[in-house]
Structure formats: structure tokens, C-alpha cells
Amino acid sequence: MSVNNNYPYAPNNPSLTENYLKRLVQSLNFALDGKINATGEFTLTASATSTTVNNNKVNVNSVILCIPQTASAALDFASGSFYVVSGDKTFTVNHDSDPATTRTFRYVVFG
């Protein structure tokens, strides 16, 4: 599964041209529709107890919400040992060790 999160940003050069206003409105409408360029996907590392995910939008105050995409991911998520710690441009998912390579999650970053 690939994640398309390449929605346009609002322009950084505030000139009130028609093109600028169109791009600004488009970016705002995407954000209102939940298209916020803050999603991704990862698979838990097989036979390990943690998985590190790189994402430039993450900082130590970020909230990371993970959604299992496979049955094996859902079992790991519900195990009681699944938790996420955010850092600088990465977050670490702590989980049970399992040789399965099908524990895939989608996530969203807030903050």
C-alpha cells in the first residue's frame, strides 16, 4: 500500500495575485477535507521489540495515532505492549517481538 500525501502547501510569498489566492484557497480546502500531509505507513520490524519511523514532521511534542491495516497488526495493537514515543524527526513504536512481516499500520502526526 502506498500513501499519497502530496497535497499542495499554501504559497510562502504573500502577494495578492490571483494565482496566489487560488493556491491559498486550494490548500485551505484540502486541509478542511483532512488532506494535511501528515500521514504515513510503516510495518513493524520482524523479531524485534521496537520499530523506528522517520518523519520530518515529528517532534517530541507530536501525537502519533496508529491504525492497524492487517489482522496481525490489529493483534499486536491490542496486545497491551504497543505504545509510541515521539522524538526529533522520528517516532519509536514499542511492541511484542514476532517474526511476522505483515504487521502494517497507517499513521497520522499531530503537532
PDB file of N, CA and C in Angstrom:
ATOM      1  N   MET A   1       0.835  -1.184   0.000  1.00  0.00           N
ATOM      2  CA  MET A   1       0.000   0.000   0.000  1.00  0.00           C
ATOM      3  C   MET A   1       0.875   1.241   0.000  1.00  0.00           C
ATOM      4  N   SER A   2       0.577   2.148  -0.868  1.00  0.00           N
ATOM      5  CA  SER A   2       1.297   3.417  -0.835  1.00  0.00           C
ATOM      6  C   SER A   2       0.345   4.503  -0.365  1.00  0.00           C
ATOM      7  N   VAL A   3       0.911   5.510   0.223  1.00  0.00           N
ATOM      8  CA  VAL A   3       0.133   6.612   0.764  1.00  0.00           C
ATOM      9  C   VAL A   3       0.447   7.852  -0.047  1.00  0.00           C
ATOM     10  N   ASN A   4      -0.580   8.470  -0.604  1.00  0.00           N
ATOM     11  CA  ASN A   4      -0.390   9.705  -1.350  1.00  0.00           C
ATOM     12  C   ASN A   4      -0.706  10.865  -0.423  1.00  0.00           C
ATOM     13  N   ASN A   5       0.315  11.529   0.059  1.00  0.00           N
ATOM     14  CA  ASN A   5       0.088  12.688   0.919  1.00  0.00           C
ATOM     15  C   ASN A   5       0.863  13.886   0.402  1.00  0.00           C
ATOM     16  N   ASN A   6       0.778  14.109  -0.890  1.00  0.00           N
ATOM     17  CA  ASN A   6       1.469  15.231  -1.519  1.00  0.00           C
ATOM     18  C   ASN A   6       0.486  16.323  -1.906  1.00  0.00           C
ATOM     19  N   TYR A   7      -0.250  16.820  -0.945  1.00  0.00           N
ATOM     20  CA  TYR A   7      -1.191  17.895  -1.204  1.00  0.00           C
ATOM     21  C   TYR A   7      -0.424  19.211  -1.199  1.00  0.00           C
ATOM     22  N   PRO A   8      -0.842  20.166  -2.009  1.00  0.00           N
ATOM     23  CA  PRO A   8      -0.073  21.409  -2.128  1.00  0.00           C
ATOM     24  C   PRO A   8      -0.123  22.256  -0.860  1.00  0.00           C
ATOM     25  N   TYR A   9       1.010  22.862  -0.561  1.00  0.00           N
ATOM     26  CA  TYR A   9       1.089  23.816   0.540  1.00  0.00           C
ATOM     27  C   TYR A   9       0.638  25.178   0.048  1.00  0.00           C
ATOM     28  N   ALA A  10       0.206  26.006   0.988  1.00  0.00           N
ATOM     29  CA  ALA A  10      -0.095  27.394   0.633  1.00  0.00           C
ATOM     30  C   ALA A  10       1.224  28.078   0.275  1.00  0.00           C
ATOM     31  N   PRO A  11       1.207  29.007  -0.667  1.00  0.00           N
ATOM     32  CA  PRO A  11       2.435  29.699  -1.062  1.00  0.00           C
ATOM     33  C   PRO A  11       3.026  30.493   0.102  1.00  0.00           C
ATOM     34  N   ASN A  12       4.347  30.583   0.114  1.00  0.00           N
ATOM     35  CA  ASN A  12       5.033  31.317   1.180  1.00  0.00           C
ATOM     36  C   ASN A  12       5.209  32.796   0.878  1.00  0.00           C
ATOM     37  N   ASN A  13       5.015  33.197  -0.363  1.00  0.00           N
ATOM     38  CA  ASN A  13       5.232  34.600  -0.721  1.00  0.00           C
ATOM     39  C   ASN A  13       3.885  35.311  -0.860  1.00  0.00           C
ATOM     40  N   PRO A  14       3.464  35.988   0.181  1.00  0.00           N
ATOM     41  CA  PRO A  14       2.126  36.582   0.182  1.00  0.00           C
ATOM     42  C   PRO A  14       1.999  37.811  -0.718  1.00  0.00           C
ATOM     43  N   SER A  15       1.703  37.551  -1.975  1.00  0.00           N
ATOM     44  CA  SER A  15       1.336  38.637  -2.876  1.00  0.00           C
ATOM     45  C   SER A  15      -0.095  38.351  -3.308  1.00  0.00           C
ATOM     46  N   LEU A  16      -0.886  39.339  -3.389  1.00  0.00           N
ATOM     47  CA  LEU A  16      -2.309  39.127  -3.637  1.00  0.00           C
ATOM     48  C   LEU A  16      -2.622  38.957  -5.122  1.00  0.00           C
ATOM     49  N   THR A  17      -1.869  38.118  -5.778  1.00  0.00           N
ATOM     50  CA  THR A  17      -2.172  37.813  -7.166  1.00  0.00           C
ATOM     51  C   THR A  17      -3.266  36.754  -7.202  1.00  0.00           C
ATOM     52  N   GLU A  18      -3.908  36.629  -8.343  1.00  0.00           N
ATOM     53  CA  GLU A  18      -4.983  35.646  -8.490  1.00  0.00           C
ATOM     54  C   GLU A  18      -4.458  34.230  -8.280  1.00  0.00           C
ATOM     55  N   ASN A  19      -3.263  33.927  -8.797  1.00  0.00           N
ATOM     56  CA  ASN A  19      -2.682  32.601  -8.639  1.00  0.00           C
ATOM     57  C   ASN A  19      -2.419  32.296  -7.161  1.00  0.00           C
ATOM     58  N   TYR A  20      -1.893  33.284  -6.443  1.00  0.00           N
ATOM     59  CA  TYR A  20      -1.630  33.102  -5.010  1.00  0.00           C
ATOM     60  C   TYR A  20      -2.931  32.788  -4.277  1.00  0.00           C
ATOM     61  N   LEU A  21      -3.952  33.556  -4.542  1.00  0.00           N
ATOM     62  CA  LEU A  21      -5.227  33.350  -3.854  1.00  0.00           C
ATOM     63  C   LEU A  21      -5.837  31.990  -4.197  1.00  0.00           C
ATOM     64  N   LYS A  22      -5.721  31.549  -5.450  1.00  0.00           N
ATOM     65  CA  LYS A  22      -6.231  30.230  -5.836  1.00  0.00           C
ATOM     66  C   LYS A  22      -5.505  29.127  -5.072  1.00  0.00           C
ATOM     67  N   ARG A  23      -4.173  29.230  -4.987  1.00  0.00           N
ATOM     68  CA  ARG A  23      -3.389  28.212  -4.271  1.00  0.00           C
ATOM     69  C   ARG A  23      -3.696  28.227  -2.783  1.00  0.00           C
ATOM     70  N   LEU A  24      -3.888  29.413  -2.228  1.00  0.00           N
ATOM     71  CA  LEU A  24      -4.212  29.524  -0.812  1.00  0.00           C
ATOM     72  C   LEU A  24      -5.572  28.884  -0.522  1.00  0.00           C
ATOM     73  N   VAL A  25      -6.550  29.182  -1.336  1.00  0.00           N
ATOM     74  CA  VAL A  25      -7.885  28.591  -1.167  1.00  0.00           C
ATOM     75  C   VAL A  25      -7.830  27.084  -1.356  1.00  0.00           C
ATOM     76  N   GLN A  26      -7.083  26.610  -2.354  1.00  0.00           N
ATOM     77  CA  GLN A  26      -6.959  25.176  -2.584  1.00  0.00           C
ATOM     78  C   GLN A  26      -6.331  24.485  -1.368  1.00  0.00           C
ATOM     79  N   SER A  27      -5.275  25.049  -0.820  1.00  0.00           N
ATOM     80  CA  SER A  27      -4.626  24.465   0.356  1.00  0.00           C
ATOM     81  C   SER A  27      -5.565  24.436   1.555  1.00  0.00           C
ATOM     82  N   LEU A  28      -6.296  25.524   1.754  1.00  0.00           N
ATOM     83  CA  LEU A  28      -7.254  25.585   2.849  1.00  0.00           C
ATOM     84  C   LEU A  28      -8.349  24.539   2.667  1.00  0.00           C
ATOM     85  N   ASN A  29      -8.863  24.403   1.464  1.00  0.00           N
ATOM     86  CA  ASN A  29      -9.912  23.410   1.209  1.00  0.00           C
ATOM     87  C   ASN A  29      -9.395  21.987   1.408  1.00  0.00           C
ATOM     88  N   PHE A  30      -8.159  21.710   0.984  1.00  0.00           N
ATOM     89  CA  PHE A  30      -7.581  20.395   1.246  1.00  0.00           C
ATOM     90  C   PHE A  30      -7.512  20.137   2.749  1.00  0.00           C
ATOM     91  N   ALA A  31      -7.043  21.120   3.517  1.00  0.00           N
ATOM     92  CA  ALA A  31      -6.938  20.948   4.970  1.00  0.00           C
ATOM     93  C   ALA A  31      -8.309  20.698   5.591  1.00  0.00           C
ATOM     94  N   LEU A  32      -9.311  21.429   5.134  1.00  0.00           N
ATOM     95  CA  LEU A  32     -10.663  21.226   5.657  1.00  0.00           C
ATOM     96  C   LEU A  32     -11.220  19.849   5.314  1.00  0.00           C
ATOM     97  N   ASP A  33     -10.717  19.257   4.234  1.00  0.00           N
ATOM     98  CA  ASP A  33     -11.125  17.904   3.850  1.00  0.00           C
ATOM     99  C   ASP A  33     -10.239  16.829   4.475  1.00  0.00           C
ATOM    100  N   GLY A  34      -9.328  17.236   5.367  1.00  0.00           N
ATOM    101  CA  GLY A  34      -8.467  16.280   6.048  1.00  0.00           C
ATOM    102  C   GLY A  34      -7.201  15.922   5.304  1.00  0.00           C
ATOM    103  N   LYS A  35      -6.918  16.588   4.214  1.00  0.00           N
ATOM    104  CA  LYS A  35      -5.708  16.336   3.417  1.00  0.00           C
ATOM    105  C   LYS A  35      -4.599  17.235   3.949  1.00  0.00           C
ATOM    106  N   ILE A  36      -3.907  16.770   4.984  1.00  0.00           N
ATOM    107  CA  ILE A  36      -2.988  17.651   5.702  1.00  0.00           C
ATOM    108  C   ILE A  36      -1.522  17.249   5.601  1.00  0.00           C
ATOM    109  N   ASN A  37      -1.165  16.351   4.688  1.00  0.00           N
ATOM    110  CA  ASN A  37       0.243  15.959   4.509  1.00  0.00           C
ATOM    111  C   ASN A  37       0.880  15.477   5.811  1.00  0.00           C
ATOM    112  N   ALA A  38       0.116  14.786   6.626  1.00  0.00           N
ATOM    113  CA  ALA A  38       0.649  14.340   7.914  1.00  0.00           C
ATOM    114  C   ALA A  38       0.386  12.850   8.145  1.00  0.00           C
ATOM    115  N   THR A  39       0.326  12.081   7.062  1.00  0.00           N
ATOM    116  CA  THR A  39       0.047  10.658   7.195  1.00  0.00           C
ATOM    117  C   THR A  39       1.199   9.836   6.645  1.00  0.00           C
ATOM    118  N   GLY A  40       1.224   8.597   7.009  1.00  0.00           N
ATOM    119  CA  GLY A  40       2.252   7.688   6.511  1.00  0.00           C
ATOM    120  C   GLY A  40       1.894   6.250   6.824  1.00  0.00           C
ATOM    121  N   GLU A  41       2.818   5.369   6.521  1.00  0.00           N
ATOM    122  CA  GLU A  41       2.606   3.943   6.716  1.00  0.00           C
ATOM    123  C   GLU A  41       3.924   3.297   7.145  1.00  0.00           C
ATOM    124  N   PHE A  42       3.843   2.285   7.988  1.00  0.00           N
ATOM    125  CA  PHE A  42       5.029   1.532   8.388  1.00  0.00           C
ATOM    126  C   PHE A  42       4.626   0.100   8.706  1.00  0.00           C
ATOM    127  N   THR A  43       5.607  -0.776   8.685  1.00  0.00           N
ATOM    128  CA  THR A  43       5.437  -2.176   9.073  1.00  0.00           C
ATOM    129  C   THR A  43       6.365  -2.440  10.248  1.00  0.00           C
ATOM    130  N   LEU A  44       5.844  -3.089  11.271  1.00  0.00           N
ATOM    131  CA  LEU A  44       6.658  -3.386  12.439  1.00  0.00           C
ATOM    132  C   LEU A  44       7.824  -4.280  12.051  1.00  0.00           C
ATOM    133  N   THR A  45       8.976  -4.025  12.641  1.00  0.00           N
ATOM    134  CA  THR A  45      10.174  -4.802  12.373  1.00  0.00           C
ATOM    135  C   THR A  45      10.001  -6.212  12.920  1.00  0.00           C
ATOM    136  N   ALA A  46      10.228  -7.202  12.055  1.00  0.00           N
ATOM    137  CA  ALA A  46      10.077  -8.595  12.449  1.00  0.00           C
ATOM    138  C   ALA A  46      11.107  -8.980  13.505  1.00  0.00           C
ATOM    139  N   SER A  47      10.686  -9.787  14.455  1.00  0.00           N
ATOM    140  CA  SER A  47      11.552 -10.341  15.507  1.00  0.00           C
ATOM    141  C   SER A  47      12.282  -9.264  16.308  1.00  0.00           C
ATOM    142  N   ALA A  48      11.636  -8.132  16.493  1.00  0.00           N
ATOM    143  CA  ALA A  48      12.201  -7.035  17.282  1.00  0.00           C
ATOM    144  C   ALA A  48      11.120  -6.523  18.228  1.00  0.00           C
ATOM    145  N   THR A  49      11.518  -5.739  19.214  1.00  0.00           N
ATOM    146  CA  THR A  49      10.546  -5.195  20.161  1.00  0.00           C
ATOM    147  C   THR A  49      10.319  -3.694  19.971  1.00  0.00           C
ATOM    148  N   SER A  50      10.929  -3.119  18.933  1.00  0.00           N
ATOM    149  CA  SER A  50      10.665  -1.719  18.613  1.00  0.00           C
ATOM    150  C   SER A  50      10.898  -1.477  17.128  1.00  0.00           C
ATOM    151  N   THR A  51      10.214  -0.466  16.627  1.00  0.00           N
ATOM    152  CA  THR A  51      10.341  -0.053  15.227  1.00  0.00           C
ATOM    153  C   THR A  51      10.449   1.462  15.214  1.00  0.00           C
ATOM    154  N   THR A  52      11.451   1.992  14.524  1.00  0.00           N
ATOM    155  CA  THR A  52      11.624   3.433  14.415  1.00  0.00           C
ATOM    156  C   THR A  52      11.163   3.895  13.039  1.00  0.00           C
ATOM    157  N   VAL A  53      10.359   4.957  13.036  1.00  0.00           N
ATOM    158  CA  VAL A  53       9.821   5.521  11.797  1.00  0.00           C
ATOM    159  C   VAL A  53      10.354   6.941  11.661  1.00  0.00           C
ATOM    160  N   ASN A  54      10.936   7.262  10.513  1.00  0.00           N
ATOM    161  CA  ASN A  54      11.447   8.605  10.235  1.00  0.00           C
ATOM    162  C   ASN A  54      10.360   9.442   9.578  1.00  0.00           C
ATOM    163  N   ASN A  55      10.167  10.646  10.092  1.00  0.00           N
ATOM    164  CA  ASN A  55       9.212  11.577   9.508  1.00  0.00           C
ATOM    165  C   ASN A  55       9.618  12.977   9.956  1.00  0.00           C
ATOM    166  N   ASN A  56       9.920  13.862   9.008  1.00  0.00           N
ATOM    167  CA  ASN A  56      10.383  15.212   9.321  1.00  0.00           C
ATOM    168  C   ASN A  56       9.356  16.059  10.062  1.00  0.00           C
ATOM    169  N   LYS A  57       8.097  15.667  10.041  1.00  0.00           N
ATOM    170  CA  LYS A  57       7.055  16.446  10.705  1.00  0.00           C
ATOM    171  C   LYS A  57       6.948  16.141  12.200  1.00  0.00           C
ATOM    172  N   VAL A  58       7.646  15.126  12.668  1.00  0.00           N
ATOM    173  CA  VAL A  58       7.540  14.681  14.059  1.00  0.00           C
ATOM    174  C   VAL A  58       8.510  15.460  14.941  1.00  0.00           C
ATOM    175  N   ASN A  59       8.050  15.831  16.133  1.00  0.00           N
ATOM    176  CA  ASN A  59       8.923  16.382  17.169  1.00  0.00           C
ATOM    177  C   ASN A  59       8.513  15.762  18.500  1.00  0.00           C
ATOM    178  N   VAL A  60       9.221  16.095  19.566  1.00  0.00           N
ATOM    179  CA  VAL A  60       8.980  15.446  20.856  1.00  0.00           C
ATOM    180  C   VAL A  60       7.583  15.703  21.406  1.00  0.00           C
ATOM    181  N   ASN A  61       6.907  16.738  20.927  1.00  0.00           N
ATOM    182  CA  ASN A  61       5.552  17.043  21.392  1.00  0.00           C
ATOM    183  C   ASN A  61       4.464  16.497  20.477  1.00  0.00           C
ATOM    184  N   SER A  62       4.838  15.805  19.422  1.00  0.00           N
ATOM    185  CA  SER A  62       3.856  15.285  18.471  1.00  0.00           C
ATOM    186  C   SER A  62       3.020  14.167  19.077  1.00  0.00           C
ATOM    187  N   VAL A  63       1.797  14.084  18.596  1.00  0.00           N
ATOM    188  CA  VAL A  63       0.913  12.967  18.910  1.00  0.00           C
ATOM    189  C   VAL A  63       0.818  12.123  17.649  1.00  0.00           C
ATOM    190  N   ILE A  64       1.106  10.840  17.782  1.00  0.00           N
ATOM    191  CA  ILE A  64       1.081   9.916  16.650  1.00  0.00           C
ATOM    192  C   ILE A  64      -0.067   8.945  16.871  1.00  0.00           C
ATOM    193  N   LEU A  65      -1.004   8.910  15.936  1.00  0.00           N
ATOM    194  CA  LEU A  65      -2.114   7.968  16.012  1.00  0.00           C
ATOM    195  C   LEU A  65      -1.896   6.880  14.967  1.00  0.00           C
ATOM    196  N   CYS A  66      -1.933   5.627  15.400  1.00  0.00           N
ATOM    197  CA  CYS A  66      -1.675   4.481  14.522  1.00  0.00           C
ATOM    198  C   CYS A  66      -2.942   3.660  14.338  1.00  0.00           C
ATOM    199  N   ILE A  67      -3.170   3.217  13.104  1.00  0.00           N
ATOM    200  CA  ILE A  67      -4.332   2.398  12.766  1.00  0.00           C
ATOM    201  C   ILE A  67      -3.840   1.121  12.098  1.00  0.00           C
ATOM    202  N   PRO A  68      -4.133  -0.053  12.677  1.00  0.00           N
ATOM    203  CA  PRO A  68      -3.700  -1.311  12.058  1.00  0.00           C
ATOM    204  C   PRO A  68      -4.348  -1.503  10.690  1.00  0.00           C
ATOM    205  N   GLN A  69      -3.578  -2.049   9.748  1.00  0.00           N
ATOM    206  CA  GLN A  69      -4.073  -2.295   8.397  1.00  0.00           C
ATOM    207  C   GLN A  69      -4.195  -3.788   8.086  1.00  0.00           C
ATOM    208  N   THR A  70      -3.705  -4.634   8.979  1.00  0.00           N
ATOM    209  CA  THR A  70      -3.769  -6.077   8.781  1.00  0.00           C
ATOM    210  C   THR A  70      -4.232  -6.732  10.080  1.00  0.00           C
ATOM    211  N   ALA A  71      -4.678  -7.981   9.970  1.00  0.00           N
ATOM    212  CA  ALA A  71      -5.135  -8.705  11.159  1.00  0.00           C
ATOM    213  C   ALA A  71      -3.998  -8.888  12.164  1.00  0.00           C
ATOM    214  N   SER A  72      -2.796  -9.198  11.675  1.00  0.00           N
ATOM    215  CA  SER A  72      -1.669  -9.384  12.597  1.00  0.00           C
ATOM    216  C   SER A  72      -1.285  -8.063  13.266  1.00  0.00           C
ATOM    217  N   ALA A  73      -1.438  -6.955  12.574  1.00  0.00           N
ATOM    218  CA  ALA A  73      -1.174  -5.644  13.176  1.00  0.00           C
ATOM    219  C   ALA A  73      -2.206  -5.344  14.262  1.00  0.00           C
ATOM    220  N   ALA A  74      -3.458  -5.691  14.009  1.00  0.00           N
ATOM    221  CA  ALA A  74      -4.517  -5.452  14.995  1.00  0.00           C
ATOM    222  C   ALA A  74      -4.266  -6.258  16.271  1.00  0.00           C
ATOM    223  N   LEU A  75      -3.779  -7.479  16.130  1.00  0.00           N
ATOM    224  CA  LEU A  75      -3.464  -8.298  17.305  1.00  0.00           C
ATOM    225  C   LEU A  75      -2.334  -7.664  18.108  1.00  0.00           C
ATOM    226  N   ASP A  76      -1.315  -7.184  17.439  1.00  0.00           N
ATOM    227  CA  ASP A  76      -0.203  -6.541  18.132  1.00  0.00           C
ATOM    228  C   ASP A  76      -0.664  -5.256  18.807  1.00  0.00           C
ATOM    229  N   PHE A  77      -1.487  -4.492  18.124  1.00  0.00           N
ATOM    230  CA  PHE A  77      -2.008  -3.229  18.642  1.00  0.00           C
ATOM    231  C   PHE A  77      -2.796  -3.458  19.937  1.00  0.00           C
ATOM    232  N   ALA A  78      -3.539  -4.558  19.996  1.00  0.00           N
ATOM    233  CA  ALA A  78      -4.391  -4.860  21.145  1.00  0.00           C
ATOM    234  C   ALA A  78      -3.659  -5.627  22.247  1.00  0.00           C
ATOM    235  N   SER A  79      -2.384  -5.934  22.050  1.00  0.00           N
ATOM    236  CA  SER A  79      -1.660  -6.800  22.976  1.00  0.00           C
ATOM    237  C   SER A  79      -1.416  -6.176  24.353  1.00  0.00           C
ATOM    238  N   GLY A  80      -1.454  -4.866  24.432  1.00  0.00           N
ATOM    239  CA  GLY A  80      -1.175  -4.193  25.694  1.00  0.00           C
ATOM    240  C   GLY A  80       0.259  -3.706  25.809  1.00  0.00           C
ATOM    241  N   SER A  81       1.133  -4.137  24.897  1.00  0.00           N
ATOM    242  CA  SER A  81       2.529  -3.676  24.958  1.00  0.00           C
ATOM    243  C   SER A  81       2.848  -2.693  23.837  1.00  0.00           C
ATOM    244  N   PHE A  82       1.871  -2.315  23.027  1.00  0.00           N
ATOM    245  CA  PHE A  82       2.053  -1.396  21.906  1.00  0.00           C
ATOM    246  C   PHE A  82       1.954   0.035  22.423  1.00  0.00           C
ATOM    247  N   TYR A  83       3.033   0.815  22.252  1.00  0.00           N
ATOM    248  CA  TYR A  83       2.960   2.239  22.564  1.00  0.00           C
ATOM    249  C   TYR A  83       3.984   3.001  21.725  1.00  0.00           C
ATOM    250  N   VAL A  84       3.747   4.300  21.575  1.00  0.00           N
ATOM    251  CA  VAL A  84       4.534   5.137  20.679  1.00  0.00           C
ATOM    252  C   VAL A  84       5.212   6.250  21.476  1.00  0.00           C
ATOM    253  N   VAL A  85       6.493   6.490  21.155  1.00  0.00           N
ATOM    254  CA  VAL A  85       7.250   7.588  21.761  1.00  0.00           C
ATOM    255  C   VAL A  85       7.776   8.455  20.629  1.00  0.00           C
ATOM    256  N   SER A  86       7.414   9.746  20.640  1.00  0.00           N
ATOM    257  CA  SER A  86       7.871  10.642  19.580  1.00  0.00           C
ATOM    258  C   SER A  86       9.189  11.289  19.965  1.00  0.00           C
ATOM    259  N   GLY A  87      10.002  11.576  18.954  1.00  0.00           N
ATOM    260  CA  GLY A  87      11.301  12.216  19.146  1.00  0.00           C
ATOM    261  C   GLY A  87      11.494  13.316  18.122  1.00  0.00           C
ATOM    262  N   ASP A  88      12.725  13.617  17.802  1.00  0.00           N
ATOM    263  CA  ASP A  88      13.039  14.649  16.821  1.00  0.00           C
ATOM    264  C   ASP A  88      13.130  14.016  15.431  1.00  0.00           C
ATOM    265  N   LYS A  89      12.118  14.223  14.607  1.00  0.00           N
ATOM    266  CA  LYS A  89      12.023  13.713  13.238  1.00  0.00           C
ATOM    267  C   LYS A  89      11.875  12.198  13.163  1.00  0.00           C
ATOM    268  N   THR A  90      11.586  11.549  14.287  1.00  0.00           N
ATOM    269  CA  THR A  90      11.320  10.109  14.316  1.00  0.00           C
ATOM    270  C   THR A  90      10.316   9.813  15.414  1.00  0.00           C
ATOM    271  N   PHE A  91       9.701   8.653  15.317  1.00  0.00           N
ATOM    272  CA  PHE A  91       8.968   8.120  16.457  1.00  0.00           C
ATOM    273  C   PHE A  91       9.267   6.634  16.539  1.00  0.00           C
ATOM    274  N   THR A  92       9.219   6.127  17.762  1.00  0.00           N
ATOM    275  CA  THR A  92       9.517   4.727  18.004  1.00  0.00           C
ATOM    276  C   THR A  92       8.260   4.036  18.497  1.00  0.00           C
ATOM    277  N   VAL A  93       7.947   2.913  17.864  1.00  0.00           N
ATOM    278  CA  VAL A  93       6.809   2.099  18.262  1.00  0.00           C
ATOM    279  C   VAL A  93       7.366   0.902  19.024  1.00  0.00           C
ATOM    280  N   ASN A  94       6.959   0.748  20.263  1.00  0.00           N
ATOM    281  CA  ASN A  94       7.352  -0.399  21.073  1.00  0.00           C
ATOM    282  C   ASN A  94       6.262  -1.452  20.966  1.00  0.00           C
ATOM    283  N   HIS A  95       6.650  -2.700  20.791  1.00  0.00           N
ATOM    284  CA  HIS A  95       5.686  -3.768  20.510  1.00  0.00           C
ATOM    285  C   HIS A  95       6.266  -5.123  20.875  1.00  0.00           C
ATOM    286  N   ASP A  96       5.438  -6.156  20.801  1.00  0.00           N
ATOM    287  CA  ASP A  96       5.902  -7.520  21.048  1.00  0.00           C
ATOM    288  C   ASP A  96       6.795  -7.982  19.908  1.00  0.00           C
ATOM    289  N   SER A  97       7.729  -8.870  20.222  1.00  0.00           N
ATOM    290  CA  SER A  97       8.566  -9.485  19.200  1.00  0.00           C
ATOM    291  C   SER A  97       7.765 -10.577  18.502  1.00  0.00           C
ATOM    292  N   ASP A  98       7.786 -10.549  17.194  1.00  0.00           N
ATOM    293  CA  ASP A  98       7.031 -11.509  16.390  1.00  0.00           C
ATOM    294  C   ASP A  98       7.738 -11.621  15.047  1.00  0.00           C
ATOM    295  N   PRO A  99       7.885 -12.842  14.503  1.00  0.00           N
ATOM    296  CA  PRO A  99       8.561 -12.975  13.212  1.00  0.00           C
ATOM    297  C   PRO A  99       7.711 -12.523  12.017  1.00  0.00           C
ATOM    298  N   ALA A 100       6.447 -12.180  12.252  1.00  0.00           N
ATOM    299  CA  ALA A 100       5.550 -11.785  11.155  1.00  0.00           C
ATOM    300  C   ALA A 100       6.041 -10.508  10.478  1.00  0.00           C
ATOM    301  N   THR A 101       5.913 -10.462   9.171  1.00  0.00           N
ATOM    302  CA  THR A 101       6.290  -9.273   8.392  1.00  0.00           C
ATOM    303  C   THR A 101       5.058  -8.587   7.808  1.00  0.00           C
ATOM    304  N   THR A 102       3.906  -8.890   8.380  1.00  0.00           N
ATOM    305  CA  THR A 102       2.651  -8.358   7.849  1.00  0.00           C
ATOM    306  C   THR A 102       1.954  -7.413   8.823  1.00  0.00           C
ATOM    307  N   ARG A 103       2.679  -6.913   9.813  1.00  0.00           N
ATOM    308  CA  ARG A 103       2.072  -6.032  10.819  1.00  0.00           C
ATOM    309  C   ARG A 103       2.200  -4.583  10.352  1.00  0.00           C
ATOM    310  N   THR A 104       1.301  -4.182   9.465  1.00  0.00           N
ATOM    311  CA  THR A 104       1.351  -2.868   8.813  1.00  0.00           C
ATOM    312  C   THR A 104       0.346  -1.914   9.441  1.00  0.00           C
ATOM    313  N   PHE A 105       0.786  -0.664   9.603  1.00  0.00           N
ATOM    314  CA  PHE A 105      -0.040   0.385  10.187  1.00  0.00           C
ATOM    315  C   PHE A 105      -0.006   1.624   9.300  1.00  0.00           C
ATOM    316  N   ARG A 106      -1.071   2.393   9.346  1.00  0.00           N
ATOM    317  CA  ARG A 106      -1.073   3.751   8.819  1.00  0.00           C
ATOM    318  C   ARG A 106      -1.072   4.661  10.024  1.00  0.00           C
ATOM    319  N   TYR A 107      -0.543   5.873   9.852  1.00  0.00           N
ATOM    320  CA  TYR A 107      -0.485   6.795  10.988  1.00  0.00           C
ATOM    321  C   TYR A 107      -0.724   8.224  10.542  1.00  0.00           C
ATOM    322  N   VAL A 108      -1.039   9.057  11.532  1.00  0.00           N
ATOM    323  CA  VAL A 108      -1.172  10.493  11.315  1.00  0.00           C
ATOM    324  C   VAL A 108      -0.398  11.197  12.429  1.00  0.00           C
ATOM    325  N   VAL A 109       0.248  12.307  12.073  1.00  0.00           N
ATOM    326  CA  VAL A 109       1.036  13.096  13.020  1.00  0.00           C
ATOM    327  C   VAL A 109       0.286  14.389  13.299  1.00  0.00           C
ATOM    328  N   PHE A 110       0.111  14.688  14.582  1.00  0.00           N
ATOM    329  CA  PHE A 110      -0.456  15.961  15.002  1.00  0.00           C
ATOM    330  C   PHE A 110       0.555  16.677  15.879  1.00  0.00           C
ATOM    331  N   GLY A 111       0.789  17.936  15.591  1.00  0.00           N
ATOM    332  CA  GLY A 111       1.672  18.748  16.428  1.00  0.00           C
ATOM    333  C   GLY A 111       3.107  18.721  16.034  1.00  0.00           C
TER     334      GLY A 111
END
